[in-house]
Amino acid sequence: FSLPGFQFDKKNIIYQGSLNKDRGIDLMIEAVKFIDVKLFIFGSGDLELSLQEHVIKENLTNKVFFIGRVPFNDLRNITKFFDLGLSFEKNSCLAYKYSLPNKVFDYIHADIPVLASDLPEMSNFIVSNKVGQTLNSREPKEIAEQILEIICNKNQYQKNIEKTKKVYCWQKEEKKLLKLFNSF
């Protein structure tokens, strides 16, 4: 396993997904200014260039790394090496407000805790399964403190992550889907 800038002896956090408006990637970048972590951004989108320019302007090229798109199976194998997965969608429309992004499940199945927006479905899932935390604030300094707190205590989430990924997996969902299709 090799990624530019990745060091096993450092704290590494991951965002995977589209680099689009209201995904909170700007907040992630601002938060890493305050703490000794490296942020790896997997994906692409219409904000990619402006986010990269912002990282350069803020002199964060040694802390924020844009990896681009990666095949799903590769990403699944890479994600397990991170300390924390991020999902900071903004409450800007009903689709985001009630979303429960796939990346949240990808993080869980990679055995890493999640820090996500305090939106209804994400909050319900994360809090009820105790697999991470929801944002206490959208202020970068407070986000930075929350990131460190989760990473420093990430072992406390492991037992719940193990339980949760056994409940929320394709093998169980497939049966529900087949039952639904067979009822027609």
C-alpha atoms as a PDB file:
ATOM      1  CA  PHE A   1       0.000   0.000   0.000  1.00  0.00           C
ATOM      2  CA  SER A   2       1.445   3.332  -1.073  1.00  0.00           C
ATOM      3  CA  LEU A   3      -0.092   6.802  -1.401  1.00  0.00           C
ATOM      4  CA  PRO A   4       1.796  10.061  -1.856  1.00  0.00           C
ATOM      5  CA  GLY A   5       2.040  11.719   1.571  1.00  0.00           C
ATOM      6  CA  PHE A   6       0.611   8.784   3.523  1.00  0.00           C
ATOM      7  CA  GLN A   7       2.574   7.775   6.610  1.00  0.00           C
ATOM      8  CA  PHE A   8       1.500   4.894   8.826  1.00  0.00           C
ATOM      9  CA  ASP A   9       2.905   6.592  11.933  1.00  0.00           C
ATOM     10  CA  LYS A  10       0.771   9.728  11.387  1.00  0.00           C
ATOM     11  CA  LYS A  11      -2.943  10.424  11.773  1.00  0.00           C
ATOM     12  CA  ASN A  12      -4.677  10.061   8.394  1.00  0.00           C
ATOM     13  CA  ILE A  13      -8.299  10.899   7.601  1.00  0.00           C
ATOM     14  CA  ILE A  14     -10.285  10.194   4.453  1.00  0.00           C
ATOM     15  CA  TYR A  15     -13.073  11.705   2.410  1.00  0.00           C
ATOM     16  CA  GLN A  16     -14.410   9.677  -0.488  1.00  0.00           C
ATOM     17  CA  GLY A  17     -16.997  10.907  -2.929  1.00  0.00           C
ATOM     18  CA  SER A  18     -17.863  13.712  -5.280  1.00  0.00           C
ATOM     19  CA  LEU A  19     -16.126  17.060  -4.977  1.00  0.00           C
ATOM     20  CA  ASN A  20     -19.274  19.117  -5.389  1.00  0.00           C
ATOM     21  CA  LYS A  21     -21.063  22.012  -3.717  1.00  0.00           C
ATOM     22  CA  ASP A  22     -22.254  21.526  -0.127  1.00  0.00           C
ATOM     23  CA  ARG A  23     -20.241  18.359   0.531  1.00  0.00           C
ATOM     24  CA  GLY A  24     -18.289  20.135   3.293  1.00  0.00           C
ATOM     25  CA  ILE A  25     -14.871  19.483   1.794  1.00  0.00           C
ATOM     26  CA  ASP A  26     -13.903  23.113   2.376  1.00  0.00           C
ATOM     27  CA  LEU A  27     -14.605  22.600   6.101  1.00  0.00           C
ATOM     28  CA  MET A  28     -12.406  19.502   6.157  1.00  0.00           C
ATOM     29  CA  ILE A  29      -9.565  21.474   4.585  1.00  0.00           C
ATOM     30  CA  GLU A  30      -9.997  24.362   7.017  1.00  0.00           C
ATOM     31  CA  ALA A  31     -10.079  21.996  10.010  1.00  0.00           C
ATOM     32  CA  VAL A  32      -6.743  20.330   9.207  1.00  0.00           C
ATOM     33  CA  LYS A  33      -5.019  23.710   9.591  1.00  0.00           C
ATOM     34  CA  PHE A  34      -5.412  23.332  13.356  1.00  0.00           C
ATOM     35  CA  ILE A  35      -4.228  19.750  13.911  1.00  0.00           C
ATOM     36  CA  ASP A  36      -1.475  17.358  12.934  1.00  0.00           C
ATOM     37  CA  VAL A  37      -3.414  15.116  10.543  1.00  0.00           C
ATOM     38  CA  LYS A  38      -3.324  14.431   6.834  1.00  0.00           C
ATOM     39  CA  LEU A  39      -6.510  14.563   4.788  1.00  0.00           C
ATOM     40  CA  PHE A  40      -6.794  12.356   1.715  1.00  0.00           C
ATOM     41  CA  ILE A  41      -9.551  13.222  -0.727  1.00  0.00           C
ATOM     42  CA  PHE A  42     -10.676  10.447  -3.076  1.00  0.00           C
ATOM     43  CA  GLY A  43     -12.983  11.419  -5.916  1.00  0.00           C
ATOM     44  CA  SER A  44     -13.538  14.149  -8.456  1.00  0.00           C
ATOM     45  CA  GLY A  45     -16.082  16.794  -9.291  1.00  0.00           C
ATOM     46  CA  ASP A  46     -16.733  20.320 -10.401  1.00  0.00           C
ATOM     47  CA  LEU A  47     -15.040  21.873  -7.335  1.00  0.00           C
ATOM     48  CA  GLU A  48     -11.852  19.840  -7.631  1.00  0.00           C
ATOM     49  CA  LEU A  49      -9.726  22.576  -9.205  1.00  0.00           C
ATOM     50  CA  SER A  50     -10.913  25.346  -6.878  1.00  0.00           C
ATOM     51  CA  LEU A  51     -10.345  23.123  -3.827  1.00  0.00           C
ATOM     52  CA  GLN A  52      -6.834  22.275  -5.042  1.00  0.00           C
ATOM     53  CA  GLU A  53      -6.114  25.974  -5.606  1.00  0.00           C
ATOM     54  CA  HIS A  54      -7.372  26.763  -2.097  1.00  0.00           C
ATOM     55  CA  VAL A  55      -5.047  24.118  -0.612  1.00  0.00           C
ATOM     56  CA  ILE A  56      -2.092  25.635  -2.464  1.00  0.00           C
ATOM     57  CA  LYS A  57      -3.054  29.185  -1.436  1.00  0.00           C
ATOM     58  CA  GLU A  58      -3.355  28.110   2.219  1.00  0.00           C
ATOM     59  CA  ASN A  59       0.012  26.294   2.031  1.00  0.00           C
ATOM     60  CA  LEU A  60      -1.567  22.946   2.983  1.00  0.00           C
ATOM     61  CA  THR A  61      -0.082  20.761   0.235  1.00  0.00           C
ATOM     62  CA  ASN A  62       1.782  18.773   2.897  1.00  0.00           C
ATOM     63  CA  LYS A  63      -1.501  18.033   4.745  1.00  0.00           C
ATOM     64  CA  VAL A  64      -4.202  17.696   2.054  1.00  0.00           C
ATOM     65  CA  PHE A  65      -3.840  15.227  -0.818  1.00  0.00           C
ATOM     66  CA  PHE A  66      -6.145  14.876  -3.811  1.00  0.00           C
ATOM     67  CA  ILE A  67      -6.007  11.279  -5.016  1.00  0.00           C
ATOM     68  CA  GLY A  68      -8.726  11.396  -7.657  1.00  0.00           C
ATOM     69  CA  ARG A  69     -10.981   8.507  -8.604  1.00  0.00           C
ATOM     70  CA  VAL A  70      -9.974   5.016  -7.568  1.00  0.00           C
ATOM     71  CA  PRO A  71     -11.676   1.734  -8.539  1.00  0.00           C
ATOM     72  CA  PHE A  72     -14.152   0.681  -5.848  1.00  0.00           C
ATOM     73  CA  ASN A  73     -12.318  -2.520  -4.876  1.00  0.00           C
ATOM     74  CA  ASP A  74      -9.044  -0.617  -4.533  1.00  0.00           C
ATOM     75  CA  LEU A  75     -10.729   2.072  -2.461  1.00  0.00           C
ATOM     76  CA  ARG A  76     -12.222  -0.532  -0.142  1.00  0.00           C
ATOM     77  CA  ASN A  77      -8.751  -1.987   0.469  1.00  0.00           C
ATOM     78  CA  ILE A  78      -7.211   1.474   0.980  1.00  0.00           C
ATOM     79  CA  THR A  79      -9.854   2.879   3.353  1.00  0.00           C
ATOM     80  CA  LYS A  80      -9.011   0.416   6.133  1.00  0.00           C
ATOM     81  CA  PHE A  81      -5.630   2.113   6.620  1.00  0.00           C
ATOM     82  CA  PHE A  82      -7.218   5.396   7.713  1.00  0.00           C
ATOM     83  CA  ASP A  83      -8.060   6.577  11.214  1.00  0.00           C
ATOM     84  CA  LEU A  84     -11.359   8.299  10.452  1.00  0.00           C
ATOM     85  CA  GLY A  85     -13.852   8.746   7.610  1.00  0.00           C
ATOM     86  CA  LEU A  86     -15.590  12.072   6.954  1.00  0.00           C
ATOM     87  CA  SER A  87     -18.995  12.989   5.503  1.00  0.00           C
ATOM     88  CA  PHE A  88     -19.848  16.697   6.016  1.00  0.00           C
ATOM     89  CA  GLU A  89     -22.834  17.278   3.713  1.00  0.00           C
ATOM     90  CA  LYS A  90     -24.590  20.584   4.294  1.00  0.00           C
ATOM     91  CA  ASN A  91     -28.332  20.876   4.912  1.00  0.00           C
ATOM     92  CA  SER A  92     -28.847  22.698   1.611  1.00  0.00           C
ATOM     93  CA  CYS A  93     -31.626  20.585   0.103  1.00  0.00           C
ATOM     94  CA  LEU A  94     -33.907  17.707   1.052  1.00  0.00           C
ATOM     95  CA  ALA A  95     -31.672  15.189  -0.751  1.00  0.00           C
ATOM     96  CA  TYR A  96     -28.729  16.086   1.497  1.00  0.00           C
ATOM     97  CA  LYS A  97     -30.848  16.629   4.626  1.00  0.00           C
ATOM     98  CA  TYR A  98     -32.193  13.074   4.515  1.00  0.00           C
ATOM     99  CA  SER A  99     -29.177  11.379   2.956  1.00  0.00           C
ATOM    100  CA  LEU A 100     -27.284   8.445   4.373  1.00  0.00           C
ATOM    101  CA  PRO A 101     -24.317   8.314   1.977  1.00  0.00           C
ATOM    102  CA  ASN A 102     -22.731   5.054   0.860  1.00  0.00           C
ATOM    103  CA  LYS A 103     -19.379   6.353   2.114  1.00  0.00           C
ATOM    104  CA  VAL A 104     -20.652   6.036   5.698  1.00  0.00           C
ATOM    105  CA  PHE A 105     -21.165   2.304   5.147  1.00  0.00           C
ATOM    106  CA  ASP A 106     -17.847   2.055   3.280  1.00  0.00           C
ATOM    107  CA  TYR A 107     -16.056   3.511   6.322  1.00  0.00           C
ATOM    108  CA  ILE A 108     -17.843   1.112   8.679  1.00  0.00           C
ATOM    109  CA  HIS A 109     -16.982  -1.887   6.498  1.00  0.00           C
ATOM    110  CA  ALA A 110     -13.352  -0.718   6.488  1.00  0.00           C
ATOM    111  CA  ASP A 111     -13.427  -0.736  10.317  1.00  0.00           C
ATOM    112  CA  ILE A 112     -12.957   3.000  10.800  1.00  0.00           C
ATOM    113  CA  PRO A 113     -15.170   5.388  12.771  1.00  0.00           C
ATOM    114  CA  VAL A 114     -17.160   8.152  11.094  1.00  0.00           C
ATOM    115  CA  LEU A 115     -17.506  11.879  11.688  1.00  0.00           C
ATOM    116  CA  ALA A 116     -20.543  13.131   9.778  1.00  0.00           C
ATOM    117  CA  SER A 117     -22.993  15.987   9.556  1.00  0.00           C
ATOM    118  CA  ASP A 118     -25.673  16.222  12.191  1.00  0.00           C
ATOM    119  CA  LEU A 119     -28.452  15.572   9.683  1.00  0.00           C
ATOM    120  CA  PRO A 120     -31.419  13.323  10.547  1.00  0.00           C
ATOM    121  CA  GLU A 121     -30.520  10.013   8.875  1.00  0.00           C
ATOM    122  CA  MET A 122     -26.750  10.234   9.361  1.00  0.00           C
ATOM    123  CA  SER A 123     -27.187  11.246  12.978  1.00  0.00           C
ATOM    124  CA  ASN A 124     -29.716   8.492  13.663  1.00  0.00           C
ATOM    125  CA  PHE A 125     -27.459   5.845  12.119  1.00  0.00           C
ATOM    126  CA  ILE A 126     -24.198   6.967  13.726  1.00  0.00           C
ATOM    127  CA  VAL A 127     -25.590   7.720  17.180  1.00  0.00           C
ATOM    128  CA  SER A 128     -27.823   4.645  17.466  1.00  0.00           C
ATOM    129  CA  ASN A 129     -25.022   2.315  16.328  1.00  0.00           C
ATOM    130  CA  LYS A 130     -22.251   4.213  18.192  1.00  0.00           C
ATOM    131  CA  VAL A 131     -19.871   4.027  15.211  1.00  0.00           C
ATOM    132  CA  GLY A 132     -18.574   7.584  15.414  1.00  0.00           C
ATOM    133  CA  GLN A 133     -19.901  11.065  16.025  1.00  0.00           C
ATOM    134  CA  THR A 134     -21.865  13.800  14.330  1.00  0.00           C
ATOM    135  CA  LEU A 135     -20.493  17.304  14.032  1.00  0.00           C
ATOM    136  CA  ASN A 136     -20.972  19.428  17.140  1.00  0.00           C
ATOM    137  CA  SER A 137     -20.307  22.527  15.058  1.00  0.00           C
ATOM    138  CA  ARG A 138     -19.395  23.611  11.537  1.00  0.00           C
ATOM    139  CA  GLU A 139     -16.569  25.785  12.872  1.00  0.00           C
ATOM    140  CA  PRO A 140     -13.181  24.490  11.620  1.00  0.00           C
ATOM    141  CA  LYS A 141     -11.384  24.752  14.969  1.00  0.00           C
ATOM    142  CA  GLU A 142     -14.139  22.819  16.757  1.00  0.00           C
ATOM    143  CA  ILE A 143     -14.212  20.234  13.960  1.00  0.00           C
ATOM    144  CA  ALA A 144     -10.437  19.832  14.349  1.00  0.00           C
ATOM    145  CA  GLU A 145     -10.847  19.151  18.074  1.00  0.00           C
ATOM    146  CA  GLN A 146     -13.594  16.615  17.374  1.00  0.00           C
ATOM    147  CA  ILE A 147     -11.452  14.848  14.747  1.00  0.00           C
ATOM    148  CA  LEU A 148      -8.596  14.480  17.240  1.00  0.00           C
ATOM    149  CA  GLU A 149     -10.930  13.318  19.995  1.00  0.00           C
ATOM    150  CA  ILE A 150     -12.365  10.547  17.809  1.00  0.00           C
ATOM    151  CA  ILE A 151      -8.951   9.436  16.520  1.00  0.00           C
ATOM    152  CA  CYS A 152      -7.489   9.349  20.036  1.00  0.00           C
ATOM    153  CA  ASN A 153     -10.430   7.223  21.206  1.00  0.00           C
ATOM    154  CA  LYS A 154     -11.087   5.253  18.027  1.00  0.00           C
ATOM    155  CA  ASN A 155     -10.740   1.886  19.771  1.00  0.00           C
ATOM    156  CA  GLN A 156     -13.919   2.595  21.753  1.00  0.00           C
ATOM    157  CA  TYR A 157     -15.886   2.374  18.484  1.00  0.00           C
ATOM    158  CA  GLN A 158     -14.450  -0.925  17.226  1.00  0.00           C
ATOM    159  CA  LYS A 159     -16.868  -3.317  18.940  1.00  0.00           C
ATOM    160  CA  ASN A 160     -19.865  -1.316  17.677  1.00  0.00           C
ATOM    161  CA  ILE A 161     -18.406  -1.075  14.178  1.00  0.00           C
ATOM    162  CA  GLU A 162     -18.007  -4.872  14.127  1.00  0.00           C
ATOM    163  CA  LYS A 163     -21.640  -5.366  15.209  1.00  0.00           C
ATOM    164  CA  THR A 164     -22.988  -2.746  12.813  1.00  0.00           C
ATOM    165  CA  LYS A 165     -21.235  -4.033   9.721  1.00  0.00           C
ATOM    166  CA  LYS A 166     -22.756  -7.475  10.335  1.00  0.00           C
ATOM    167  CA  VAL A 167     -26.246  -5.944  10.373  1.00  0.00           C
ATOM    168  CA  TYR A 168     -25.791  -3.534   7.455  1.00  0.00           C
ATOM    169  CA  CYS A 169     -24.268  -5.691   4.763  1.00  0.00           C
ATOM    170  CA  TRP A 170     -25.225  -6.745   1.265  1.00  0.00           C
ATOM    171  CA  GLN A 171     -25.868 -10.345   2.317  1.00  0.00           C
ATOM    172  CA  LYS A 172     -28.747  -9.191   4.554  1.00  0.00           C
ATOM    173  CA  GLU A 173     -29.990  -6.424   2.273  1.00  0.00           C
ATOM    174  CA  GLU A 174     -30.045  -8.778  -0.711  1.00  0.00           C
ATOM    175  CA  LYS A 175     -32.619 -11.002   1.037  1.00  0.00           C
ATOM    176  CA  LYS A 176     -34.877  -8.014   1.694  1.00  0.00           C
ATOM    177  CA  LEU A 177     -34.586  -6.856  -1.901  1.00  0.00           C
ATOM    178  CA  LEU A 178     -35.330 -10.317  -3.302  1.00  0.00           C
ATOM    179  CA  LYS A 179     -38.325 -10.632  -0.980  1.00  0.00           C
ATOM    180  CA  LEU A 180     -39.622  -7.299  -2.241  1.00  0.00           C
ATOM    181  CA  PHE A 181     -39.160  -8.280  -5.900  1.00  0.00           C
ATOM    182  CA  ASN A 182     -40.779 -11.666  -5.343  1.00  0.00           C
ATOM    183  CA  SER A 183     -43.849 -10.024  -3.811  1.00  0.00           C
ATOM    184  CA  PHE A 184     -44.814  -8.486  -7.191  1.00  0.00           C
END
